[in-house]
Amino acid sequence: MDTTGKSQERLATVLNVLAGTMTVTEAAEQLGISRKSYYEWQDRALSAMRGALTDRPAGRPANPVDTEKAALEEQVEDLSRQLTLAKQTIEVKTILTAYAAQQKSHSNASEKRSKKKRQSGK
């Protein structure tokens, strides 16, 4: 007999004893166990039934938190922030370089004009 069949037989026997259609002695003999073992099985069965019939919170159970997944998601967010900051830094450096080049160009042009004025004024 398979395990499921044995557990079904044990369940039926416990229910028969609880219903009063069988004595504990008869149940123990039928299952091939002592009366003490029968009472232990009955206690386990009733305990499992109490657990199964205990009220549970309404709604779907909360999804279990995958700590590794949560850590990886946090790391992705951190890396995204760092990438955004790096892109902004590059953009600022590009603007500053262009501005510096423009200032140098204006300065060189001013120097050339001043030099021309000095030369023409001589």
PDB file of N, CA and C in Angstrom:
ATOM      1  N   MET A   1       0.849  -1.184   0.000  1.00  0.00           N
ATOM      2  CA  MET A   1       0.000   0.000   0.000  1.00  0.00           C
ATOM      3  C   MET A   1       0.888   1.238   0.000  1.00  0.00           C
ATOM      4  N   ASP A   2       0.566   2.231  -0.815  1.00  0.00           N
ATOM      5  CA  ASP A   2       1.386   3.445  -0.908  1.00  0.00           C
ATOM      6  C   ASP A   2       1.144   4.334   0.307  1.00  0.00           C
ATOM      7  N   THR A   3       1.981   5.353   0.453  1.00  0.00           N
ATOM      8  CA  THR A   3       1.904   6.255   1.602  1.00  0.00           C
ATOM      9  C   THR A   3       0.562   6.972   1.670  1.00  0.00           C
ATOM     10  N   THR A   4       0.073   7.432   0.522  1.00  0.00           N
ATOM     11  CA  THR A   4      -1.212   8.125   0.495  1.00  0.00           C
ATOM     12  C   THR A   4      -2.327   7.201   0.952  1.00  0.00           C
ATOM     13  N   GLY A   5      -2.291   5.952   0.521  1.00  0.00           N
ATOM     14  CA  GLY A   5      -3.294   4.973   0.938  1.00  0.00           C
ATOM     15  C   GLY A   5      -3.263   4.727   2.434  1.00  0.00           C
ATOM     16  N   LYS A   6      -2.040   4.663   2.990  1.00  0.00           N
ATOM     17  CA  LYS A   6      -1.907   4.453   4.437  1.00  0.00           C
ATOM     18  C   LYS A   6      -2.467   5.650   5.200  1.00  0.00           C
ATOM     19  N   SER A   7      -2.141   6.852   4.727  1.00  0.00           N
ATOM     20  CA  SER A   7      -2.634   8.025   5.442  1.00  0.00           C
ATOM     21  C   SER A   7      -4.151   8.118   5.339  1.00  0.00           C
ATOM     22  N   GLN A   8      -4.726   7.717   4.189  1.00  0.00           N
ATOM     23  CA  GLN A   8      -6.191   7.714   4.042  1.00  0.00           C
ATOM     24  C   GLN A   8      -6.820   6.717   5.019  1.00  0.00           C
ATOM     25  N   GLU A   9      -6.185   5.564   5.147  1.00  0.00           N
ATOM     26  CA  GLU A   9      -6.709   4.545   6.075  1.00  0.00           C
ATOM     27  C   GLU A   9      -6.644   5.058   7.509  1.00  0.00           C
ATOM     28  N   ARG A  10      -5.529   5.699   7.873  1.00  0.00           N
ATOM     29  CA  ARG A  10      -5.382   6.235   9.222  1.00  0.00           C
ATOM     30  C   ARG A  10      -6.429   7.318   9.495  1.00  0.00           C
ATOM     31  N   LEU A  11      -6.639   8.194   8.502  1.00  0.00           N
ATOM     32  CA  LEU A  11      -7.637   9.251   8.646  1.00  0.00           C
ATOM     33  C   LEU A  11      -9.031   8.658   8.852  1.00  0.00           C
ATOM     34  N   ALA A  12      -9.375   7.689   8.034  1.00  0.00           N
ATOM     35  CA  ALA A  12     -10.701   7.064   8.137  1.00  0.00           C
ATOM     36  C   ALA A  12     -10.870   6.404   9.502  1.00  0.00           C
ATOM     37  N   THR A  13      -9.810   5.783   9.975  1.00  0.00           N
ATOM     38  CA  THR A  13      -9.888   5.098  11.271  1.00  0.00           C
ATOM     39  C   THR A  13     -10.075   6.110  12.398  1.00  0.00           C
ATOM     40  N   VAL A  14      -9.311   7.198  12.372  1.00  0.00           N
ATOM     41  CA  VAL A  14      -9.440   8.234  13.411  1.00  0.00           C
ATOM     42  C   VAL A  14     -10.845   8.821  13.377  1.00  0.00           C
ATOM     43  N   LEU A  15     -11.358   9.106  12.181  1.00  0.00           N
ATOM     44  CA  LEU A  15     -12.709   9.662  12.070  1.00  0.00           C
ATOM     45  C   LEU A  15     -13.761   8.675  12.584  1.00  0.00           C
ATOM     46  N   ASN A  16     -13.559   7.389  12.313  1.00  0.00           N
ATOM     47  CA  ASN A  16     -14.496   6.374  12.826  1.00  0.00           C
ATOM     48  C   ASN A  16     -14.487   6.338  14.345  1.00  0.00           C
ATOM     49  N   VAL A  17     -13.303   6.457  14.943  1.00  0.00           N
ATOM     50  CA  VAL A  17     -13.233   6.472  16.415  1.00  0.00           C
ATOM     51  C   VAL A  17     -13.930   7.719  16.945  1.00  0.00           C
ATOM     52  N   LEU A  18     -13.653   8.874  16.328  1.00  0.00           N
ATOM     53  CA  LEU A  18     -14.268  10.113  16.791  1.00  0.00           C
ATOM     54  C   LEU A  18     -15.782  10.092  16.601  1.00  0.00           C
ATOM     55  N   ALA A  19     -16.255   9.391  15.567  1.00  0.00           N
ATOM     56  CA  ALA A  19     -17.699   9.285  15.308  1.00  0.00           C
ATOM     57  C   ALA A  19     -18.358   8.261  16.222  1.00  0.00           C
ATOM     58  N   GLY A  20     -17.545   7.450  16.896  1.00  0.00           N
ATOM     59  CA  GLY A  20     -18.097   6.452  17.811  1.00  0.00           C
ATOM     60  C   GLY A  20     -18.459   5.141  17.152  1.00  0.00           C
ATOM     61  N   THR A  21     -18.056   4.941  15.898  1.00  0.00           N
ATOM     62  CA  THR A  21     -18.375   3.682  15.216  1.00  0.00           C
ATOM     63  C   THR A  21     -17.296   2.641  15.425  1.00  0.00           C
ATOM     64  N   MET A  22     -16.217   3.021  16.116  1.00  0.00           N
ATOM     65  CA  MET A  22     -15.113   2.089  16.357  1.00  0.00           C
ATOM     66  C   MET A  22     -14.474   2.490  17.677  1.00  0.00           C
ATOM     67  N   THR A  23     -13.966   1.500  18.415  1.00  0.00           N
ATOM     68  CA  THR A  23     -13.277   1.803  19.673  1.00  0.00           C
ATOM     69  C   THR A  23     -11.791   2.042  19.388  1.00  0.00           C
ATOM     70  N   VAL A  24     -11.125   2.660  20.355  1.00  0.00           N
ATOM     71  CA  VAL A  24      -9.689   2.907  20.216  1.00  0.00           C
ATOM     72  C   VAL A  24      -8.952   1.582  20.110  1.00  0.00           C
ATOM     73  N   THR A  25      -9.354   0.582  20.862  1.00  0.00           N
ATOM     74  CA  THR A  25      -8.710  -0.735  20.819  1.00  0.00           C
ATOM     75  C   THR A  25      -8.847  -1.335  19.430  1.00  0.00           C
ATOM     76  N   GLU A  26     -10.054  -1.262  18.854  1.00  0.00           N
ATOM     77  CA  GLU A  26     -10.274  -1.800  17.499  1.00  0.00           C
ATOM     78  C   GLU A  26      -9.422  -1.034  16.476  1.00  0.00           C
ATOM     79  N   ALA A  27      -9.362   0.281  16.631  1.00  0.00           N
ATOM     80  CA  ALA A  27      -8.583   1.097  15.694  1.00  0.00           C
ATOM     81  C   ALA A  27      -7.102   0.742  15.778  1.00  0.00           C
ATOM     82  N   ALA A  28      -6.593   0.600  16.993  1.00  0.00           N
ATOM     83  CA  ALA A  28      -5.179   0.262  17.174  1.00  0.00           C
ATOM     84  C   ALA A  28      -4.876  -1.103  16.567  1.00  0.00           C
ATOM     85  N   GLU A  29      -5.768  -2.074  16.778  1.00  0.00           N
ATOM     86  CA  GLU A  29      -5.579  -3.414  16.204  1.00  0.00           C
ATOM     87  C   GLU A  29      -5.610  -3.355  14.678  1.00  0.00           C
ATOM     88  N   GLN A  30      -6.559  -2.599  14.131  1.00  0.00           N
ATOM     89  CA  GLN A  30      -6.690  -2.506  12.676  1.00  0.00           C
ATOM     90  C   GLN A  30      -5.438  -1.878  12.051  1.00  0.00           C
ATOM     91  N   LEU A  31      -4.873  -0.886  12.737  1.00  0.00           N
ATOM     92  CA  LEU A  31      -3.693  -0.199  12.213  1.00  0.00           C
ATOM     93  C   LEU A  31      -2.393  -0.906  12.584  1.00  0.00           C
ATOM     94  N   GLY A  32      -2.466  -1.885  13.482  1.00  0.00           N
ATOM     95  CA  GLY A  32      -1.276  -2.636  13.890  1.00  0.00           C
ATOM     96  C   GLY A  32      -0.348  -1.829  14.780  1.00  0.00           C
ATOM     97  N   ILE A  33      -0.952  -1.014  15.644  1.00  0.00           N
ATOM     98  CA  ILE A  33      -0.164  -0.180  16.556  1.00  0.00           C
ATOM     99  C   ILE A  33      -0.732  -0.304  17.958  1.00  0.00           C
ATOM    100  N   SER A  34      -0.019   0.253  18.931  1.00  0.00           N
ATOM    101  CA  SER A  34      -0.507   0.229  20.313  1.00  0.00           C
ATOM    102  C   SER A  34      -1.557   1.329  20.493  1.00  0.00           C
ATOM    103  N   ARG A  35      -2.308   1.220  21.584  1.00  0.00           N
ATOM    104  CA  ARG A  35      -3.301   2.257  21.893  1.00  0.00           C
ATOM    105  C   ARG A  35      -2.609   3.605  22.112  1.00  0.00           C
ATOM    106  N   LYS A  36      -1.429   3.570  22.746  1.00  0.00           N
ATOM    107  CA  LYS A  36      -0.674   4.807  22.982  1.00  0.00           C
ATOM    108  C   LYS A  36      -0.319   5.462  21.650  1.00  0.00           C
ATOM    109  N   SER A  37       0.167   4.666  20.702  1.00  0.00           N
ATOM    110  CA  SER A  37       0.514   5.210  19.374  1.00  0.00           C
ATOM    111  C   SER A  37      -0.725   5.759  18.682  1.00  0.00           C
ATOM    112  N   TYR A  38      -1.868   5.047  18.857  1.00  0.00           N
ATOM    113  CA  TYR A  38      -3.104   5.536  18.234  1.00  0.00           C
ATOM    114  C   TYR A  38      -3.434   6.929  18.770  1.00  0.00           C
ATOM    115  N   TYR A  39      -3.376   7.095  20.098  1.00  0.00           N
ATOM    116  CA  TYR A  39      -3.701   8.396  20.679  1.00  0.00           C
ATOM    117  C   TYR A  39      -2.736   9.488  20.192  1.00  0.00           C
ATOM    118  N   GLU A  40      -1.461   9.140  20.000  1.00  0.00           N
ATOM    119  CA  GLU A  40      -0.493  10.102  19.466  1.00  0.00           C
ATOM    120  C   GLU A  40      -0.887  10.504  18.036  1.00  0.00           C
ATOM    121  N   TRP A  41      -1.279   9.520  17.222  1.00  0.00           N
ATOM    122  CA  TRP A  41      -1.695   9.803  15.838  1.00  0.00           C
ATOM    123  C   TRP A  41      -2.953  10.684  15.830  1.00  0.00           C
ATOM    124  N   GLN A  42      -3.886  10.336  16.733  1.00  0.00           N
ATOM    125  CA  GLN A  42      -5.126  11.112  16.793  1.00  0.00           C
ATOM    126  C   GLN A  42      -4.818  12.557  17.188  1.00  0.00           C
ATOM    127  N   ASP A  43      -3.945  12.744  18.161  1.00  0.00           N
ATOM    128  CA  ASP A  43      -3.567  14.094  18.572  1.00  0.00           C
ATOM    129  C   ASP A  43      -2.913  14.861  17.416  1.00  0.00           C
ATOM    130  N   ARG A  44      -2.039  14.189  16.662  1.00  0.00           N
ATOM    131  CA  ARG A  44      -1.400  14.846  15.508  1.00  0.00           C
ATOM    132  C   ARG A  44      -2.436  15.213  14.459  1.00  0.00           C
ATOM    133  N   ALA A  45      -3.390  14.305  14.225  1.00  0.00           N
ATOM    134  CA  ALA A  45      -4.430  14.562  13.223  1.00  0.00           C
ATOM    135  C   ALA A  45      -5.300  15.749  13.639  1.00  0.00           C
ATOM    136  N   LEU A  46      -5.701  15.784  14.892  1.00  0.00           N
ATOM    137  CA  LEU A  46      -6.537  16.886  15.368  1.00  0.00           C
ATOM    138  C   LEU A  46      -5.762  18.205  15.373  1.00  0.00           C
ATOM    139  N   SER A  47      -4.485  18.144  15.711  1.00  0.00           N
ATOM    140  CA  SER A  47      -3.650  19.340  15.697  1.00  0.00           C
ATOM    141  C   SER A  47      -3.531  19.888  14.272  1.00  0.00           C
ATOM    142  N   ALA A  48      -3.336  18.990  13.306  1.00  0.00           N
ATOM    143  CA  ALA A  48      -3.251  19.412  11.905  1.00  0.00           C
ATOM    144  C   ALA A  48      -4.582  20.000  11.446  1.00  0.00           C
ATOM    145  N   MET A  49      -5.674  19.410  11.901  1.00  0.00           N
ATOM    146  CA  MET A  49      -6.993  19.913  11.522  1.00  0.00           C
ATOM    147  C   MET A  49      -7.217  21.300  12.117  1.00  0.00           C
ATOM    148  N   ARG A  50      -6.809  21.501  13.382  1.00  0.00           N
ATOM    149  CA  ARG A  50      -6.945  22.821  14.007  1.00  0.00           C
ATOM    150  C   ARG A  50      -6.150  23.857  13.220  1.00  0.00           C
ATOM    151  N   GLY A  51      -4.937  23.485  12.826  1.00  0.00           N
ATOM    152  CA  GLY A  51      -4.103  24.400  12.043  1.00  0.00           C
ATOM    153  C   GLY A  51      -4.730  24.723  10.701  1.00  0.00           C
ATOM    154  N   ALA A  52      -5.324  23.727  10.068  1.00  0.00           N
ATOM    155  CA  ALA A  52      -5.942  23.932   8.762  1.00  0.00           C
ATOM    156  C   ALA A  52      -7.204  24.784   8.869  1.00  0.00           C
ATOM    157  N   LEU A  53      -7.868  24.748  10.019  1.00  0.00           N
ATOM    158  CA  LEU A  53      -9.123  25.488  10.186  1.00  0.00           C
ATOM    159  C   LEU A  53      -8.950  26.830  10.880  1.00  0.00           C
ATOM    160  N   THR A  54      -7.722  27.211  11.186  1.00  0.00           N
ATOM    161  CA  THR A  54      -7.458  28.497  11.816  1.00  0.00           C
ATOM    162  C   THR A  54      -7.719  29.612  10.813  1.00  0.00           C
ATOM    163  N   ASP A  55      -8.368  30.693  11.298  1.00  0.00           N
ATOM    164  CA  ASP A  55      -8.636  31.836  10.425  1.00  0.00           C
ATOM    165  C   ASP A  55      -7.341  32.406   9.882  1.00  0.00           C
ATOM    166  N   ARG A  56      -7.398  32.798   8.626  1.00  0.00           N
ATOM    167  CA  ARG A  56      -6.247  33.424   7.977  1.00  0.00           C
ATOM    168  C   ARG A  56      -6.661  34.812   7.520  1.00  0.00           C
ATOM    169  N   PRO A  57      -5.686  35.693   7.344  1.00  0.00           N
ATOM    170  CA  PRO A  57      -6.024  37.040   6.866  1.00  0.00           C
ATOM    171  C   PRO A  57      -6.711  36.968   5.502  1.00  0.00           C
ATOM    172  N   ALA A  58      -7.649  37.868   5.283  1.00  0.00           N
ATOM    173  CA  ALA A  58      -8.370  37.894   4.013  1.00  0.00           C
ATOM    174  C   ALA A  58      -7.435  38.323   2.891  1.00  0.00           C
ATOM    175  N   GLY A  59      -7.778  37.920   1.705  1.00  0.00           N
ATOM    176  CA  GLY A  59      -7.005  38.320   0.533  1.00  0.00           C
ATOM    177  C   GLY A  59      -5.868  37.365   0.240  1.00  0.00           C
ATOM    178  N   ARG A  60      -5.155  37.728  -0.791  1.00  0.00           N
ATOM    179  CA  ARG A  60      -4.022  36.899  -1.193  1.00  0.00           C
ATOM    180  C   ARG A  60      -2.891  37.040  -0.189  1.00  0.00           C
ATOM    181  N   PRO A  61      -2.142  35.972  -0.001  1.00  0.00           N
ATOM    182  CA  PRO A  61      -0.983  36.094   0.890  1.00  0.00           C
ATOM    183  C   PRO A  61       0.073  36.981   0.243  1.00  0.00           C
ATOM    184  N   ALA A  62       0.821  37.661   1.080  1.00  0.00           N
ATOM    185  CA  ALA A  62       1.867  38.547   0.575  1.00  0.00           C
ATOM    186  C   ALA A  62       2.923  37.731  -0.155  1.00  0.00           C
ATOM    187  N   ASN A  63       3.460  38.327  -1.194  1.00  0.00           N
ATOM    188  CA  ASN A  63       4.534  37.654  -1.913  1.00  0.00           C
ATOM    189  C   ASN A  63       5.776  37.644  -1.039  1.00  0.00           C
ATOM    190  N   PRO A  64       6.440  36.512  -0.973  1.00  0.00           N
ATOM    191  CA  PRO A  64       7.657  36.477  -0.158  1.00  0.00           C
ATOM    192  C   PRO A  64       8.719  37.386  -0.779  1.00  0.00           C
ATOM    193  N   VAL A  65       9.496  38.018   0.068  1.00  0.00           N
ATOM    194  CA  VAL A  65      10.530  38.933  -0.403  1.00  0.00           C
ATOM    195  C   VAL A  65      11.775  38.132  -0.734  1.00  0.00           C
ATOM    196  N   ASP A  66      12.228  38.284  -1.974  1.00  0.00           N
ATOM    197  CA  ASP A  66      13.467  37.651  -2.408  1.00  0.00           C
ATOM    198  C   ASP A  66      14.577  38.647  -2.104  1.00  0.00           C
ATOM    199  N   THR A  67      15.341  38.379  -1.031  1.00  0.00           N
ATOM    200  CA  THR A  67      16.351  39.339  -0.585  1.00  0.00           C
ATOM    201  C   THR A  67      17.419  39.574  -1.640  1.00  0.00           C
ATOM    202  N   GLU A  68      17.796  38.537  -2.361  1.00  0.00           N
ATOM    203  CA  GLU A  68      18.823  38.701  -3.407  1.00  0.00           C
ATOM    204  C   GLU A  68      18.291  39.596  -4.525  1.00  0.00           C
ATOM    205  N   LYS A  69      17.031  39.371  -4.910  1.00  0.00           N
ATOM    206  CA  LYS A  69      16.423  40.186  -5.961  1.00  0.00           C
ATOM    207  C   LYS A  69      16.315  41.637  -5.504  1.00  0.00           C
ATOM    208  N   ALA A  70      15.889  41.843  -4.262  1.00  0.00           N
ATOM    209  CA  ALA A  70      15.765  43.206  -3.735  1.00  0.00           C
ATOM    210  C   ALA A  70      17.115  43.903  -3.718  1.00  0.00           C
ATOM    211  N   ALA A  71      18.170  43.189  -3.330  1.00  0.00           N
ATOM    212  CA  ALA A  71      19.510  43.777  -3.302  1.00  0.00           C
ATOM    213  C   ALA A  71      19.960  44.140  -4.713  1.00  0.00           C
ATOM    214  N   LEU A  72      19.680  43.268  -5.674  1.00  0.00           N
ATOM    215  CA  LEU A  72      20.059  43.549  -7.056  1.00  0.00           C
ATOM    216  C   LEU A  72      19.285  44.741  -7.616  1.00  0.00           C
ATOM    217  N   GLU A  73      17.993  44.833  -7.288  1.00  0.00           N
ATOM    218  CA  GLU A  73      17.197  45.975  -7.741  1.00  0.00           C
ATOM    219  C   GLU A  73      17.735  47.277  -7.163  1.00  0.00           C
ATOM    220  N   GLU A  74      18.132  47.243  -5.894  1.00  0.00           N
ATOM    221  CA  GLU A  74      18.709  48.428  -5.253  1.00  0.00           C
ATOM    222  C   GLU A  74      20.025  48.806  -5.931  1.00  0.00           C
ATOM    223  N   GLN A  75      20.819  47.800  -6.260  1.00  0.00           N
ATOM    224  CA  GLN A  75      22.093  48.046  -6.940  1.00  0.00           C
ATOM    225  C   GLN A  75      21.857  48.649  -8.330  1.00  0.00           C
ATOM    226  N   VAL A  76      20.851  48.155  -9.049  1.00  0.00           N
ATOM    227  CA  VAL A  76      20.521  48.703 -10.368  1.00  0.00           C
ATOM    228  C   VAL A  76      20.112  50.173 -10.242  1.00  0.00           C
ATOM    229  N   GLU A  77      19.294  50.490  -9.245  1.00  0.00           N
ATOM    230  CA  GLU A  77      18.879  51.876  -9.036  1.00  0.00           C
ATOM    231  C   GLU A  77      20.090  52.761  -8.737  1.00  0.00           C
ATOM    232  N   ASP A  78      20.999  52.273  -7.897  1.00  0.00           N
ATOM    233  CA  ASP A  78      22.193  53.035  -7.545  1.00  0.00           C
ATOM    234  C   ASP A  78      23.063  53.263  -8.786  1.00  0.00           C
ATOM    235  N   LEU A  79      23.242  52.224  -9.590  1.00  0.00           N
ATOM    236  CA  LEU A  79      24.037  52.356 -10.805  1.00  0.00           C
ATOM    237  C   LEU A  79      23.372  53.295 -11.809  1.00  0.00           C
ATOM    238  N   SER A  80      22.056  53.274 -11.873  1.00  0.00           N
ATOM    239  CA  SER A  80      21.336  54.203 -12.756  1.00  0.00           C
ATOM    240  C   SER A  80      21.569  55.646 -12.330  1.00  0.00           C
ATOM    241  N   ARG A  81      21.522  55.888 -11.010  1.00  0.00           N
ATOM    242  CA  ARG A  81      21.790  57.239 -10.502  1.00  0.00           C
ATOM    243  C   ARG A  81      23.225  57.658 -10.842  1.00  0.00           C
ATOM    244  N   GLN A  82      24.169  56.747 -10.665  1.00  0.00           N
ATOM    245  CA  GLN A  82      25.563  57.051 -10.977  1.00  0.00           C
ATOM    246  C   GLN A  82      25.740  57.336 -12.465  1.00  0.00           C
ATOM    247  N   LEU A  83      25.067  56.578 -13.316  1.00  0.00           N
ATOM    248  CA  LEU A  83      25.156  56.790 -14.755  1.00  0.00           C
ATOM    249  C   LEU A  83      24.588  58.146 -15.137  1.00  0.00           C
ATOM    250  N   THR A  84      23.453  58.494 -14.564  1.00  0.00           N
ATOM    251  CA  THR A  84      22.851  59.802 -14.834  1.00  0.00           C
ATOM    252  C   THR A  84      23.794  60.915 -14.403  1.00  0.00           C
ATOM    253  N   LEU A  85      24.394  60.774 -13.236  1.00  0.00           N
ATOM    254  CA  LEU A  85      25.342  61.774 -12.737  1.00  0.00           C
ATOM    255  C   LEU A  85      26.556  61.872 -13.662  1.00  0.00           C
ATOM    256  N   ALA A  86      27.072  60.731 -14.126  1.00  0.00           N
ATOM    257  CA  ALA A  86      28.225  60.733 -15.034  1.00  0.00           C
ATOM    258  C   ALA A  86      27.868  61.429 -16.345  1.00  0.00           C
ATOM    259  N   LYS A  87      26.682  61.168 -16.885  1.00  0.00           N
ATOM    260  CA  LYS A  87      26.249  61.825 -18.125  1.00  0.00           C
ATOM    261  C   LYS A  87      26.144  63.335 -17.918  1.00  0.00           C
ATOM    262  N   GLN A  88      25.588  63.744 -16.787  1.00  0.00           N
ATOM    263  CA  GLN A  88      25.457  65.174 -16.508  1.00  0.00           C
ATOM    264  C   GLN A  88      26.836  65.813 -16.346  1.00  0.00           C
ATOM    265  N   THR A  89      27.766  65.113 -15.723  1.00  0.00           N
ATOM    266  CA  THR A  89      29.129  65.623 -15.551  1.00  0.00           C
ATOM    267  C   THR A  89      29.800  65.822 -16.903  1.00  0.00           C
ATOM    268  N   ILE A  90      29.644  64.848 -17.789  1.00  0.00           N
ATOM    269  CA  ILE A  90      30.220  64.960 -19.136  1.00  0.00           C
ATOM    270  C   ILE A  90      29.607  66.144 -19.873  1.00  0.00           C
ATOM    271  N   GLU A  91      28.305  66.313 -19.729  1.00  0.00           N
ATOM    272  CA  GLU A  91      27.621  67.426 -20.392  1.00  0.00           C
ATOM    273  C   GLU A  91      28.144  68.769 -19.870  1.00  0.00           C
ATOM    274  N   VAL A  92      28.329  68.895 -18.571  1.00  0.00           N
ATOM    275  CA  VAL A  92      28.846  70.127 -17.986  1.00  0.00           C
ATOM    276  C   VAL A  92      30.280  70.369 -18.460  1.00  0.00           C
ATOM    277  N   LYS A  93      31.105  69.321 -18.476  1.00  0.00           N
ATOM    278  CA  LYS A  93      32.492  69.472 -18.937  1.00  0.00           C
ATOM    279  C   LYS A  93      32.529  69.899 -20.399  1.00  0.00           C
ATOM    280  N   THR A  94      31.646  69.349 -21.217  1.00  0.00           N
ATOM    281  CA  THR A  94      31.583  69.724 -22.634  1.00  0.00           C
ATOM    282  C   THR A  94      31.207  71.196 -22.771  1.00  0.00           C
ATOM    283  N   ILE A  95      30.232  71.645 -22.002  1.00  0.00           N
ATOM    284  CA  ILE A  95      29.806  73.047 -22.040  1.00  0.00           C
ATOM    285  C   ILE A  95      30.942  73.955 -21.574  1.00  0.00           C
ATOM    286  N   LEU A  96      31.621  73.571 -20.489  1.00  0.00           N
ATOM    287  CA  LEU A  96      32.724  74.386 -19.969  1.00  0.00           C
ATOM    288  C   LEU A  96      33.891  74.442 -20.953  1.00  0.00           C
ATOM    289  N   THR A  97      34.182  73.327 -21.604  1.00  0.00           N
ATOM    290  CA  THR A  97      35.255  73.302 -22.601  1.00  0.00           C
ATOM    291  C   THR A  97      34.908  74.219 -23.768  1.00  0.00           C
ATOM    292  N   ALA A  98      33.663  74.144 -24.227  1.00  0.00           N
ATOM    293  CA  ALA A  98      33.217  75.011 -25.330  1.00  0.00           C
ATOM    294  C   ALA A  98      33.267  76.466 -24.895  1.00  0.00           C
ATOM    295  N   TYR A  99      32.868  76.754 -23.674  1.00  0.00           N
ATOM    296  CA  TYR A  99      32.891  78.119 -23.172  1.00  0.00           C
ATOM    297  C   TYR A  99      34.329  78.629 -23.076  1.00  0.00           C
ATOM    298  N   ALA A 100      35.223  77.777 -22.561  1.00  0.00           N
ATOM    299  CA  ALA A 100      36.633  78.164 -22.444  1.00  0.00           C
ATOM    300  C   ALA A 100      37.227  78.427 -23.824  1.00  0.00           C
ATOM    301  N   ALA A 101      36.881  77.579 -24.788  1.00  0.00           N
ATOM    302  CA  ALA A 101      37.380  77.779 -26.154  1.00  0.00           C
ATOM    303  C   ALA A 101      36.842  79.092 -26.724  1.00  0.00           C
ATOM    304  N   GLN A 102      35.581  79.376 -26.458  1.00  0.00           N
ATOM    305  CA  GLN A 102      34.971  80.618 -26.950  1.00  0.00           C
ATOM    306  C   GLN A 102      35.643  81.822 -26.291  1.00  0.00           C
ATOM    307  N   GLN A 103      35.905  81.740 -25.010  1.00  0.00           N
ATOM    308  CA  GLN A 103      36.557  82.836 -24.298  1.00  0.00           C
ATOM    309  C   GLN A 103      37.963  83.055 -24.853  1.00  0.00           C
ATOM    310  N   LYS A 104      38.682  81.958 -25.120  1.00  0.00           N
ATOM    311  CA  LYS A 104      40.032  82.055 -25.662  1.00  0.00           C
ATOM    312  C   LYS A 104      39.979  82.683 -27.046  1.00  0.00           C
ATOM    313  N   SER A 105      38.994  82.293 -27.829  1.00  0.00           N
ATOM    314  CA  SER A 105      38.826  82.845 -29.176  1.00  0.00           C
ATOM    315  C   SER A 105      38.543  84.345 -29.104  1.00  0.00           C
ATOM    316  N   HIS A 106      37.683  84.747 -28.218  1.00  0.00           N
ATOM    317  CA  HIS A 106      37.375  86.173 -28.036  1.00  0.00           C
ATOM    318  C   HIS A 106      38.609  86.923 -27.555  1.00  0.00           C
ATOM    319  N   SER A 107      39.348  86.302 -26.656  1.00  0.00           N
ATOM    320  CA  SER A 107      40.551  86.932 -26.122  1.00  0.00           C
ATOM    321  C   SER A 107      41.586  87.105 -27.224  1.00  0.00           C
ATOM    322  N   ASN A 108      41.758  86.067 -28.041  1.00  0.00           N
ATOM    323  CA  ASN A 108      42.706  86.153 -29.158  1.00  0.00           C
ATOM    324  C   ASN A 108      42.261  87.222 -30.159  1.00  0.00           C
ATOM    325  N   ALA A 109      40.983  87.287 -30.440  1.00  0.00           N
ATOM    326  CA  ALA A 109      40.458  88.291 -31.371  1.00  0.00           C
ATOM    327  C   ALA A 109      40.678  89.691 -30.809  1.00  0.00           C
ATOM    328  N   SER A 110      40.474  89.862 -29.516  1.00  0.00           N
ATOM    329  CA  SER A 110      40.674  91.161 -28.886  1.00  0.00           C
ATOM    330  C   SER A 110      42.140  91.552 -28.948  1.00  0.00           C
ATOM    331  N   GLU A 111      43.003  90.558 -28.703  1.00  0.00           N
ATOM    332  CA  GLU A 111      44.443  90.839 -28.764  1.00  0.00           C
ATOM    333  C   GLU A 111      44.840  91.244 -30.175  1.00  0.00           C
ATOM    334  N   LYS A 112      44.308  90.576 -31.163  1.00  0.00           N
ATOM    335  CA  LYS A 112      44.629  90.901 -32.557  1.00  0.00           C
ATOM    336  C   LYS A 112      44.152  92.313 -32.890  1.00  0.00           C
ATOM    337  N   ARG A 113      42.961  92.680 -32.453  1.00  0.00           N
ATOM    338  CA  ARG A 113      42.447  94.026 -32.713  1.00  0.00           C
ATOM    339  C   ARG A 113      43.315  95.069 -32.024  1.00  0.00           C
ATOM    340  N   SER A 114      43.693  94.777 -30.802  1.00  0.00           N
ATOM    341  CA  SER A 114      44.539  95.715 -30.050  1.00  0.00           C
ATOM    342  C   SER A 114      45.886  95.854 -30.732  1.00  0.00           C
ATOM    343  N   LYS A 115      46.429  94.733 -31.192  1.00  0.00           N
ATOM    344  CA  LYS A 115      47.719  94.744 -31.840  1.00  0.00           C
ATOM    345  C   LYS A 115      47.646  95.566 -33.138  1.00  0.00           C
ATOM    346  N   LYS A 116      46.549  95.371 -33.913  1.00  0.00           N
ATOM    347  CA  LYS A 116      46.352  96.105 -35.164  1.00  0.00           C
ATOM    348  C   LYS A 116      46.236  97.617 -34.872  1.00  0.00           C
ATOM    349  N   LYS A 117      45.496  97.939 -33.820  1.00  0.00           N
ATOM    350  CA  LYS A 117      45.326  99.342 -33.466  1.00  0.00           C
ATOM    351  C   LYS A 117      46.676  99.951 -33.107  1.00  0.00           C
ATOM    352  N   ARG A 118      47.479  99.230 -32.366  1.00  0.00           N
ATOM    353  CA  ARG A 118      48.792  99.733 -31.943  1.00  0.00           C
ATOM    354  C   ARG A 118      49.698  99.919 -33.172  1.00  0.00           C
ATOM    355  N   GLN A 119      49.604  98.905 -34.060  1.00  0.00           N
ATOM    356  CA  GLN A 119      50.453  98.996 -35.248  1.00  0.00           C
ATOM    357  C   GLN A 119      49.988 100.119 -36.169  1.00  0.00           C
ATOM    358  N   SER A 120      48.720 100.299 -36.304  1.00  0.00           N
ATOM    359  CA  SER A 120      48.230 101.365 -37.181  1.00  0.00           C
ATOM    360  C   SER A 120      48.419 102.736 -36.543  1.00  0.00           C
ATOM    361  N   GLY A 121      48.468 102.773 -35.234  1.00  0.00           N
ATOM    362  CA  GLY A 121      48.646 104.027 -34.523  1.00  0.00           C
ATOM    363  C   GLY A 121      50.099 104.462 -34.527  1.00  0.00           C
ATOM    364  N   LYS A 122      51.022 103.671 -34.888  1.00  0.00           N
ATOM    365  CA  LYS A 122      52.432 104.037 -34.844  1.00  0.00           C
ATOM    366  C   LYS A 122      52.831 104.770 -36.020  1.00  0.00           C
TER     367      LYS A 122
END
